[in-house]
Amino acid sequence: MIRAENLRHVYKSSSGNKVALDGVTFSIGAGEFVAIIGTNGSGKSTLAKHFNALLLPTGGKIFIDELDTTQEENIWRIRENVGMVFQNPDSEIVAAIVEDDVAFGLENLGIEPAQIRERVDLALDAVDMNDYKKFAPSKLSGGQKQRIAIAGVIAMQTKIIVFDEPTAMLDPLGRREILSMVKKLHAQGKTIIYITHFMEEAAAAQRVFVMENGKIILDGTPREIFTNVKEMKRLGFDVPVAVELAERLRKKFKLPPKILTAEELAEALR
């Protein structure tokens, strides 16, 4: 479904060029849930913007359902299939009323009004926000605003949803709620690409890309990535709390290798 071949992106400025993506190659299948982690400046957000052609390659190629993003005639079809949710919901909300904001993308596609109403109601139901459809977004919490942003993407019925640090500005409860919705969308068959600084969130994915200096340096399951504690520490990453605790407890107890979750750790200790 998504294929990148030696993908490069260089930001050009009067002060010099910055290589943000440096020969990235990968493929993501339909229905996969892929988390992308990396330190600031590693290229995560630049990569995210290539999935729906907000940015175009300065070298190499990226294909969405075999559609080349550099071909102008493909842009509309790509953006019909790839939705994006960013970290600051205030920058995504464009209407003064919640239901109007969720309907905005559909109106731009020229969808019939009756179908728009149906899709908006279904999308708001999916994020538990139907009771707020007549509210002004400015009256909502940060977590509620992010739900509205997600509802707007759900209403578009895209096959792929890219989340670029959607919980960065939320408290722990808000982060859990958003991640729960993301898991539900994946269970419904959506392809999820989830960029995050929170390792527990990345551990919920099927697959993890680790980025450094514009390259994907590790690609594996969460268990493969996060239980390699020494390598993660060397790269400057935290690991999920259960992994860290299991690593410390091994100094006194005999525990199975590659424990990833709190549930697995509790069972091992029992």
C-alpha atoms as a PDB file:
ATOM      1  CA  MET A   1       0.000   0.000   0.000  1.00  0.00           C
ATOM      2  CA  ILE A   2       2.855   2.430   0.843  1.00  0.00           C
ATOM      3  CA  ARG A   3       6.279   2.087  -0.708  1.00  0.00           C
ATOM      4  CA  ALA A   4       9.292   4.386  -0.446  1.00  0.00           C
ATOM      5  CA  GLU A   5      12.376   3.965  -2.593  1.00  0.00           C
ATOM      6  CA  ASN A   6      15.535   5.851  -1.601  1.00  0.00           C
ATOM      7  CA  LEU A   7      13.337   8.757  -0.456  1.00  0.00           C
ATOM      8  CA  ARG A   8      15.208  12.011   0.143  1.00  0.00           C
ATOM      9  CA  HIS A   9      14.106  15.442   1.259  1.00  0.00           C
ATOM     10  CA  VAL A  10      16.358  18.482   1.496  1.00  0.00           C
ATOM     11  CA  TYR A  11      15.204  21.789   2.968  1.00  0.00           C
ATOM     12  CA  LYS A  12      16.907  24.614   1.106  1.00  0.00           C
ATOM     13  CA  SER A  13      17.514  28.052   2.609  1.00  0.00           C
ATOM     14  CA  SER A  14      19.856  31.002   2.273  1.00  0.00           C
ATOM     15  CA  SER A  15      21.798  29.747   5.305  1.00  0.00           C
ATOM     16  CA  GLY A  16      22.423  26.333   3.739  1.00  0.00           C
ATOM     17  CA  ASN A  17      20.721  23.046   2.948  1.00  0.00           C
ATOM     18  CA  LYS A  18      19.447  20.590   5.562  1.00  0.00           C
ATOM     19  CA  VAL A  19      18.996  16.932   4.695  1.00  0.00           C
ATOM     20  CA  ALA A  20      15.836  15.781   6.506  1.00  0.00           C
ATOM     21  CA  LEU A  21      15.384  12.394   4.771  1.00  0.00           C
ATOM     22  CA  ASP A  22      18.438  10.582   3.528  1.00  0.00           C
ATOM     23  CA  GLY A  23      17.679   7.577   1.325  1.00  0.00           C
ATOM     24  CA  VAL A  24      14.711   6.061   3.174  1.00  0.00           C
ATOM     25  CA  THR A  25      13.389   2.758   1.787  1.00  0.00           C
ATOM     26  CA  PHE A  26      10.473   0.751   3.240  1.00  0.00           C
ATOM     27  CA  SER A  27       7.058  -0.711   2.518  1.00  0.00           C
ATOM     28  CA  ILE A  28       3.920  -0.728   4.677  1.00  0.00           C
ATOM     29  CA  GLY A  29       1.126  -3.168   3.929  1.00  0.00           C
ATOM     30  CA  ALA A  30      -2.610  -2.492   3.985  1.00  0.00           C
ATOM     31  CA  GLY A  31      -4.002  -2.610   7.521  1.00  0.00           C
ATOM     32  CA  GLU A  32      -0.637  -2.338   9.292  1.00  0.00           C
ATOM     33  CA  PHE A  33      -0.119  -0.260  12.433  1.00  0.00           C
ATOM     34  CA  VAL A  34       3.353   1.286  12.287  1.00  0.00           C
ATOM     35  CA  ALA A  35       4.796   3.570  14.961  1.00  0.00           C
ATOM     36  CA  ILE A  36       7.651   5.928  14.113  1.00  0.00           C
ATOM     37  CA  ILE A  37       9.963   7.178  16.852  1.00  0.00           C
ATOM     38  CA  GLY A  38      13.071   9.318  16.818  1.00  0.00           C
ATOM     39  CA  THR A  39      14.660  12.273  18.534  1.00  0.00           C
ATOM     40  CA  ASN A  40      13.845  15.844  17.457  1.00  0.00           C
ATOM     41  CA  GLY A  41      15.232  16.494  13.995  1.00  0.00           C
ATOM     42  CA  SER A  42      15.401  12.810  13.045  1.00  0.00           C
ATOM     43  CA  GLY A  43      13.009  13.295  10.098  1.00  0.00           C
ATOM     44  CA  LYS A  44       9.763  11.876  11.526  1.00  0.00           C
ATOM     45  CA  SER A  45       7.462  14.789  10.693  1.00  0.00           C
ATOM     46  CA  THR A  46       9.096  15.349   7.316  1.00  0.00           C
ATOM     47  CA  LEU A  47       8.388  11.712   6.478  1.00  0.00           C
ATOM     48  CA  ALA A  48       4.787  12.075   7.699  1.00  0.00           C
ATOM     49  CA  LYS A  49       4.146  14.928   5.278  1.00  0.00           C
ATOM     50  CA  HIS A  50       5.248  12.753   2.339  1.00  0.00           C
ATOM     51  CA  PHE A  51       2.462  10.226   2.951  1.00  0.00           C
ATOM     52  CA  ASN A  52      -0.180  12.573   1.543  1.00  0.00           C
ATOM     53  CA  ALA A  53       2.066  14.761  -0.608  1.00  0.00           C
ATOM     54  CA  LEU A  54       2.138  17.795   1.663  1.00  0.00           C
ATOM     55  CA  LEU A  55       5.842  17.571   0.862  1.00  0.00           C
ATOM     56  CA  LEU A  56       7.292  16.119  -2.329  1.00  0.00           C
ATOM     57  CA  PRO A  57      10.573  14.203  -2.584  1.00  0.00           C
ATOM     58  CA  THR A  58      13.719  16.016  -3.638  1.00  0.00           C
ATOM     59  CA  GLY A  59      15.086  12.572  -4.500  1.00  0.00           C
ATOM     60  CA  GLY A  60      13.735   9.038  -4.739  1.00  0.00           C
ATOM     61  CA  LYS A  61      10.039   8.168  -4.761  1.00  0.00           C
ATOM     62  CA  ILE A  62       7.124   7.358  -2.488  1.00  0.00           C
ATOM     63  CA  PHE A  63       4.040   5.528  -3.764  1.00  0.00           C
ATOM     64  CA  ILE A  64       0.590   5.389  -2.138  1.00  0.00           C
ATOM     65  CA  ASP A  65      -1.413   2.508  -3.609  1.00  0.00           C
ATOM     66  CA  GLU A  66       1.136   2.595  -6.465  1.00  0.00           C
ATOM     67  CA  LEU A  67       0.374   6.282  -7.083  1.00  0.00           C
ATOM     68  CA  ASP A  68       3.566   8.328  -7.414  1.00  0.00           C
ATOM     69  CA  THR A  69       3.260  11.446  -5.211  1.00  0.00           C
ATOM     70  CA  THR A  70       5.402  13.480  -7.626  1.00  0.00           C
ATOM     71  CA  GLN A  71       2.779  13.162 -10.370  1.00  0.00           C
ATOM     72  CA  GLU A  72       0.383  16.096 -10.040  1.00  0.00           C
ATOM     73  CA  GLU A  73      -2.547  14.143 -11.473  1.00  0.00           C
ATOM     74  CA  ASN A  74      -2.279  11.707  -8.518  1.00  0.00           C
ATOM     75  CA  ILE A  75      -2.426  14.256  -5.693  1.00  0.00           C
ATOM     76  CA  TRP A  76      -6.234  14.405  -5.384  1.00  0.00           C
ATOM     77  CA  ARG A  77      -6.610  10.611  -5.252  1.00  0.00           C
ATOM     78  CA  ILE A  78      -3.771  10.303  -2.726  1.00  0.00           C
ATOM     79  CA  ARG A  79      -5.324  12.863  -0.398  1.00  0.00           C
ATOM     80  CA  GLU A  80      -8.699  11.133  -0.661  1.00  0.00           C
ATOM     81  CA  ASN A  81      -7.010   8.015   0.734  1.00  0.00           C
ATOM     82  CA  VAL A  82      -4.645   9.497   3.328  1.00  0.00           C
ATOM     83  CA  GLY A  83      -5.863  11.536   6.291  1.00  0.00           C
ATOM     84  CA  MET A  84      -3.601  13.371   8.743  1.00  0.00           C
ATOM     85  CA  VAL A  85      -3.951  14.351  12.388  1.00  0.00           C
ATOM     86  CA  PHE A  86      -1.330  16.708  13.810  1.00  0.00           C
ATOM     87  CA  GLN A  87      -0.183  17.476  17.344  1.00  0.00           C
ATOM     88  CA  ASN A  88      -1.981  20.808  17.822  1.00  0.00           C
ATOM     89  CA  PRO A  89      -5.754  20.500  17.247  1.00  0.00           C
ATOM     90  CA  ASP A  90      -6.162  24.289  17.393  1.00  0.00           C
ATOM     91  CA  SER A  91      -4.249  24.531  14.105  1.00  0.00           C
ATOM     92  CA  GLU A  92      -6.575  21.977  12.446  1.00  0.00           C
ATOM     93  CA  ILE A  93      -9.997  23.268  13.467  1.00  0.00           C
ATOM     94  CA  VAL A  94     -11.427  25.694  10.916  1.00  0.00           C
ATOM     95  CA  ALA A  95     -15.123  26.107  11.832  1.00  0.00           C
ATOM     96  CA  ALA A  96     -16.979  27.793  14.679  1.00  0.00           C
ATOM     97  CA  ILE A  97     -19.234  24.774  15.360  1.00  0.00           C
ATOM     98  CA  VAL A  98     -18.056  21.187  15.921  1.00  0.00           C
ATOM     99  CA  GLU A  99     -20.305  19.516  13.324  1.00  0.00           C
ATOM    100  CA  ASP A 100     -19.353  22.133  10.714  1.00  0.00           C
ATOM    101  CA  ASP A 101     -15.688  21.425  11.315  1.00  0.00           C
ATOM    102  CA  VAL A 102     -16.151  17.670  10.850  1.00  0.00           C
ATOM    103  CA  ALA A 103     -18.133  18.360   7.659  1.00  0.00           C
ATOM    104  CA  PHE A 104     -15.521  20.708   6.181  1.00  0.00           C
ATOM    105  CA  GLY A 105     -13.546  18.111   4.223  1.00  0.00           C
ATOM    106  CA  LEU A 106     -16.688  16.443   2.902  1.00  0.00           C
ATOM    107  CA  GLU A 107     -18.048  19.750   1.640  1.00  0.00           C
ATOM    108  CA  ASN A 108     -14.804  20.327  -0.247  1.00  0.00           C
ATOM    109  CA  LEU A 109     -15.266  16.944  -1.923  1.00  0.00           C
ATOM    110  CA  GLY A 110     -18.766  17.939  -3.063  1.00  0.00           C
ATOM    111  CA  ILE A 111     -20.537  15.184  -1.094  1.00  0.00           C
ATOM    112  CA  GLU A 112     -24.343  15.370  -1.037  1.00  0.00           C
ATOM    113  CA  PRO A 113     -25.702  17.177   2.083  1.00  0.00           C
ATOM    114  CA  ALA A 114     -27.697  14.166   3.321  1.00  0.00           C
ATOM    115  CA  GLN A 115     -24.608  11.965   3.103  1.00  0.00           C
ATOM    116  CA  ILE A 116     -22.520  14.624   4.850  1.00  0.00           C
ATOM    117  CA  ARG A 117     -24.939  14.672   7.798  1.00  0.00           C
ATOM    118  CA  GLU A 118     -24.849  10.884   8.024  1.00  0.00           C
ATOM    119  CA  ARG A 119     -21.060  10.713   7.885  1.00  0.00           C
ATOM    120  CA  VAL A 120     -20.642  13.512  10.436  1.00  0.00           C
ATOM    121  CA  ASP A 121     -22.968  11.782  12.922  1.00  0.00           C
ATOM    122  CA  LEU A 122     -21.177   8.453  12.464  1.00  0.00           C
ATOM    123  CA  ALA A 123     -17.765  10.089  12.892  1.00  0.00           C
ATOM    124  CA  LEU A 124     -18.795  11.956  16.041  1.00  0.00           C
ATOM    125  CA  ASP A 125     -20.275   8.734  17.437  1.00  0.00           C
ATOM    126  CA  ALA A 126     -16.975   6.976  16.770  1.00  0.00           C
ATOM    127  CA  VAL A 127     -15.095   9.464  18.975  1.00  0.00           C
ATOM    128  CA  ASP A 128     -17.891   9.805  21.587  1.00  0.00           C
ATOM    129  CA  MET A 129     -18.487  13.478  20.749  1.00  0.00           C
ATOM    130  CA  ASN A 130     -22.021  13.507  19.297  1.00  0.00           C
ATOM    131  CA  ASP A 131     -23.315  15.321  22.376  1.00  0.00           C
ATOM    132  CA  TYR A 132     -20.975  18.207  21.524  1.00  0.00           C
ATOM    133  CA  LYS A 133     -21.790  18.675  17.845  1.00  0.00           C
ATOM    134  CA  LYS A 134     -23.417  22.091  18.422  1.00  0.00           C
ATOM    135  CA  PHE A 135     -20.582  23.299  20.682  1.00  0.00           C
ATOM    136  CA  ALA A 136     -17.956  25.841  19.739  1.00  0.00           C
ATOM    137  CA  PRO A 137     -14.562  24.065  19.563  1.00  0.00           C
ATOM    138  CA  SER A 138     -13.068  26.855  21.685  1.00  0.00           C
ATOM    139  CA  LYS A 139     -15.155  25.572  24.611  1.00  0.00           C
ATOM    140  CA  LEU A 140     -13.635  22.069  24.457  1.00  0.00           C
ATOM    141  CA  SER A 141     -10.631  20.604  26.210  1.00  0.00           C
ATOM    142  CA  GLY A 142      -7.449  19.744  24.325  1.00  0.00           C
ATOM    143  CA  GLY A 143      -8.376  16.061  24.270  1.00  0.00           C
ATOM    144  CA  GLN A 144     -11.873  16.809  23.004  1.00  0.00           C
ATOM    145  CA  LYS A 145     -10.482  19.045  20.255  1.00  0.00           C
ATOM    146  CA  GLN A 146      -8.175  16.247  19.159  1.00  0.00           C
ATOM    147  CA  ARG A 147     -11.174  13.911  19.019  1.00  0.00           C
ATOM    148  CA  ILE A 148     -12.875  16.394  16.688  1.00  0.00           C
ATOM    149  CA  ALA A 149      -9.794  16.452  14.453  1.00  0.00           C
ATOM    150  CA  ILE A 150      -9.877  12.639  14.334  1.00  0.00           C
ATOM    151  CA  ALA A 151     -13.623  12.702  13.587  1.00  0.00           C
ATOM    152  CA  GLY A 152     -12.924  14.925  10.586  1.00  0.00           C
ATOM    153  CA  VAL A 153     -10.559  12.289   9.196  1.00  0.00           C
ATOM    154  CA  ILE A 154     -12.964   9.424   9.995  1.00  0.00           C
ATOM    155  CA  ALA A 155     -15.730  11.242   8.098  1.00  0.00           C
ATOM    156  CA  MET A 156     -13.497  11.373   5.011  1.00  0.00           C
ATOM    157  CA  GLN A 157     -13.347   7.535   5.094  1.00  0.00           C
ATOM    158  CA  THR A 158      -9.664   7.443   4.214  1.00  0.00           C
ATOM    159  CA  LYS A 159      -7.938   4.056   4.143  1.00  0.00           C
ATOM    160  CA  ILE A 160      -4.759   5.418   5.743  1.00  0.00           C
ATOM    161  CA  ILE A 161      -4.501   7.736   8.758  1.00  0.00           C
ATOM    162  CA  VAL A 162      -1.216   9.396   9.697  1.00  0.00           C
ATOM    163  CA  PHE A 163      -0.960  10.669  13.276  1.00  0.00           C
ATOM    164  CA  ASP A 164       1.923  13.124  13.788  1.00  0.00           C
ATOM    165  CA  GLU A 165       2.420  13.249  17.575  1.00  0.00           C
ATOM    166  CA  PRO A 166      -1.342  13.581  18.251  1.00  0.00           C
ATOM    167  CA  THR A 167      -0.956  13.323  22.039  1.00  0.00           C
ATOM    168  CA  ALA A 168       2.029  15.661  22.465  1.00  0.00           C
ATOM    169  CA  MET A 169      -0.087  18.436  23.997  1.00  0.00           C
ATOM    170  CA  LEU A 170      -2.386  16.236  26.094  1.00  0.00           C
ATOM    171  CA  ASP A 171      -2.348  15.038  29.701  1.00  0.00           C
ATOM    172  CA  PRO A 172      -1.970  11.292  30.478  1.00  0.00           C
ATOM    173  CA  LEU A 173      -5.741  10.692  30.453  1.00  0.00           C
ATOM    174  CA  GLY A 174      -6.119  12.452  27.114  1.00  0.00           C
ATOM    175  CA  ARG A 175      -3.227  10.422  25.684  1.00  0.00           C
ATOM    176  CA  ARG A 176      -4.836   7.150  26.742  1.00  0.00           C
ATOM    177  CA  GLU A 177      -8.171   8.154  25.219  1.00  0.00           C
ATOM    178  CA  ILE A 178      -6.631   9.088  21.866  1.00  0.00           C
ATOM    179  CA  LEU A 179      -4.539   5.912  21.733  1.00  0.00           C
ATOM    180  CA  SER A 180      -7.658   3.856  22.479  1.00  0.00           C
ATOM    181  CA  MET A 181      -9.411   5.462  19.489  1.00  0.00           C
ATOM    182  CA  VAL A 182      -6.396   4.796  17.287  1.00  0.00           C
ATOM    183  CA  LYS A 183      -6.496   1.107  18.259  1.00  0.00           C
ATOM    184  CA  LYS A 184     -10.212   0.962  17.388  1.00  0.00           C
ATOM    185  CA  LEU A 185      -9.561   2.489  13.965  1.00  0.00           C
ATOM    186  CA  HIS A 186      -6.844  -0.086  13.330  1.00  0.00           C
ATOM    187  CA  ALA A 187      -9.200  -2.886  14.401  1.00  0.00           C
ATOM    188  CA  GLN A 188     -11.654  -1.606  11.773  1.00  0.00           C
ATOM    189  CA  GLY A 189      -9.043  -2.168   9.062  1.00  0.00           C
ATOM    190  CA  LYS A 190      -7.426   1.261   8.762  1.00  0.00           C
ATOM    191  CA  THR A 191      -3.719   1.515   8.018  1.00  0.00           C
ATOM    192  CA  ILE A 192      -2.216   3.519  10.883  1.00  0.00           C
ATOM    193  CA  ILE A 193       1.065   5.435  10.887  1.00  0.00           C
ATOM    194  CA  TYR A 194       1.659   6.822  14.353  1.00  0.00           C
ATOM    195  CA  ILE A 195       4.499   9.205  15.200  1.00  0.00           C
ATOM    196  CA  THR A 196       5.159   9.631  18.909  1.00  0.00           C
ATOM    197  CA  HIS A 197       7.686  10.483  21.609  1.00  0.00           C
ATOM    198  CA  PHE A 198       5.915   8.173  24.087  1.00  0.00           C
ATOM    199  CA  MET A 199       7.348   4.675  24.072  1.00  0.00           C
ATOM    200  CA  GLU A 200       4.272   3.053  25.656  1.00  0.00           C
ATOM    201  CA  GLU A 201       2.239   4.371  22.714  1.00  0.00           C
ATOM    202  CA  ALA A 202       4.747   3.031  20.185  1.00  0.00           C
ATOM    203  CA  ALA A 203       4.643  -0.353  21.943  1.00  0.00           C
ATOM    204  CA  ALA A 204       0.941  -0.638  21.007  1.00  0.00           C
ATOM    205  CA  ALA A 205       1.822  -0.811  17.296  1.00  0.00           C
ATOM    206  CA  GLN A 206       2.546  -3.933  15.235  1.00  0.00           C
ATOM    207  CA  ARG A 207       5.800  -2.524  13.922  1.00  0.00           C
ATOM    208  CA  VAL A 208       8.219   0.251  14.906  1.00  0.00           C
ATOM    209  CA  PHE A 209      10.525   2.389  12.775  1.00  0.00           C
ATOM    210  CA  VAL A 210      13.381   4.079  14.654  1.00  0.00           C
ATOM    211  CA  MET A 211      14.715   7.154  12.848  1.00  0.00           C
ATOM    212  CA  GLU A 212      18.035   8.936  13.241  1.00  0.00           C
ATOM    213  CA  ASN A 213      19.551  11.645  11.036  1.00  0.00           C
ATOM    214  CA  GLY A 214      16.977  11.192   8.310  1.00  0.00           C
ATOM    215  CA  LYS A 215      17.325   7.415   8.104  1.00  0.00           C
ATOM    216  CA  ILE A 216      15.343   4.428   9.397  1.00  0.00           C
ATOM    217  CA  ILE A 217      17.997   2.660  11.458  1.00  0.00           C
ATOM    218  CA  LEU A 218      15.761   0.002  13.069  1.00  0.00           C
ATOM    219  CA  ASP A 219      12.584  -1.690  11.815  1.00  0.00           C
ATOM    220  CA  GLY A 220      10.948  -4.442  13.843  1.00  0.00           C
ATOM    221  CA  THR A 221       8.179  -5.470  16.198  1.00  0.00           C
ATOM    222  CA  PRO A 222       7.821  -3.528  19.463  1.00  0.00           C
ATOM    223  CA  ARG A 223       9.163  -6.572  21.314  1.00  0.00           C
ATOM    224  CA  GLU A 224      12.244  -6.724  19.093  1.00  0.00           C
ATOM    225  CA  ILE A 225      12.884  -2.984  19.349  1.00  0.00           C
ATOM    226  CA  PHE A 226      12.139  -2.161  22.981  1.00  0.00           C
ATOM    227  CA  THR A 227      13.568  -5.223  24.696  1.00  0.00           C
ATOM    228  CA  ASN A 228      16.940  -4.383  23.144  1.00  0.00           C
ATOM    229  CA  VAL A 229      17.461  -2.061  26.093  1.00  0.00           C
ATOM    230  CA  LYS A 230      21.179  -1.389  25.638  1.00  0.00           C
ATOM    231  CA  GLU A 231      20.722  -0.316  22.019  1.00  0.00           C
ATOM    232  CA  MET A 232      17.732   1.887  22.838  1.00  0.00           C
ATOM    233  CA  LYS A 233      19.667   3.583  25.647  1.00  0.00           C
ATOM    234  CA  ARG A 234      22.655   4.054  23.348  1.00  0.00           C
ATOM    235  CA  LEU A 235      20.396   5.822  20.873  1.00  0.00           C
ATOM    236  CA  GLY A 236      19.050   8.071  23.635  1.00  0.00           C
ATOM    237  CA  PHE A 237      15.579   6.555  23.947  1.00  0.00           C
ATOM    238  CA  ASP A 238      13.583   5.541  26.958  1.00  0.00           C
ATOM    239  CA  VAL A 239      11.885   2.142  26.927  1.00  0.00           C
ATOM    240  CA  PRO A 240       8.384   1.274  28.193  1.00  0.00           C
ATOM    241  CA  VAL A 241       8.166   1.225  31.985  1.00  0.00           C
ATOM    242  CA  ALA A 242       7.519  -2.541  32.130  1.00  0.00           C
ATOM    243  CA  VAL A 243      10.647  -3.212  30.071  1.00  0.00           C
ATOM    244  CA  GLU A 244      12.774  -0.972  32.300  1.00  0.00           C
ATOM    245  CA  LEU A 245      11.387  -2.541  35.488  1.00  0.00           C
ATOM    246  CA  ALA A 246      11.907  -6.084  34.195  1.00  0.00           C
ATOM    247  CA  GLU A 247      15.509  -5.217  33.339  1.00  0.00           C
ATOM    248  CA  ARG A 248      16.148  -4.045  36.920  1.00  0.00           C
ATOM    249  CA  LEU A 249      14.329  -6.990  38.509  1.00  0.00           C
ATOM    250  CA  ARG A 250      16.477  -9.454  36.590  1.00  0.00           C
ATOM    251  CA  LYS A 251      19.305  -8.546  38.958  1.00  0.00           C
ATOM    252  CA  LYS A 252      17.411 -10.374  41.729  1.00  0.00           C
ATOM    253  CA  PHE A 253      14.915 -12.649  39.990  1.00  0.00           C
ATOM    254  CA  LYS A 254      14.977 -15.090  37.136  1.00  0.00           C
ATOM    255  CA  LEU A 255      12.542 -13.639  34.592  1.00  0.00           C
ATOM    256  CA  PRO A 256      11.714 -14.632  31.001  1.00  0.00           C
ATOM    257  CA  PRO A 257      13.445 -12.612  28.267  1.00  0.00           C
ATOM    258  CA  LYS A 258      11.784  -9.921  26.177  1.00  0.00           C
ATOM    259  CA  ILE A 259       9.036  -8.870  28.593  1.00  0.00           C
ATOM    260  CA  LEU A 260       7.197  -5.931  26.979  1.00  0.00           C
ATOM    261  CA  THR A 261       3.990  -5.177  28.907  1.00  0.00           C
ATOM    262  CA  ALA A 262       2.939  -4.705  32.513  1.00  0.00           C
ATOM    263  CA  GLU A 263       0.647  -7.725  32.200  1.00  0.00           C
ATOM    264  CA  GLU A 264       3.541  -9.927  31.056  1.00  0.00           C
ATOM    265  CA  LEU A 265       5.708  -8.688  33.915  1.00  0.00           C
ATOM    266  CA  ALA A 266       2.991  -9.335  36.503  1.00  0.00           C
ATOM    267  CA  GLU A 267       2.477 -12.873  35.204  1.00  0.00           C
ATOM    268  CA  ALA A 268       6.237 -13.558  35.283  1.00  0.00           C
ATOM    269  CA  LEU A 269       6.488 -12.328  38.878  1.00  0.00           C
ATOM    270  CA  ARG A 270       3.526 -14.482  39.935  1.00  0.00           C
END
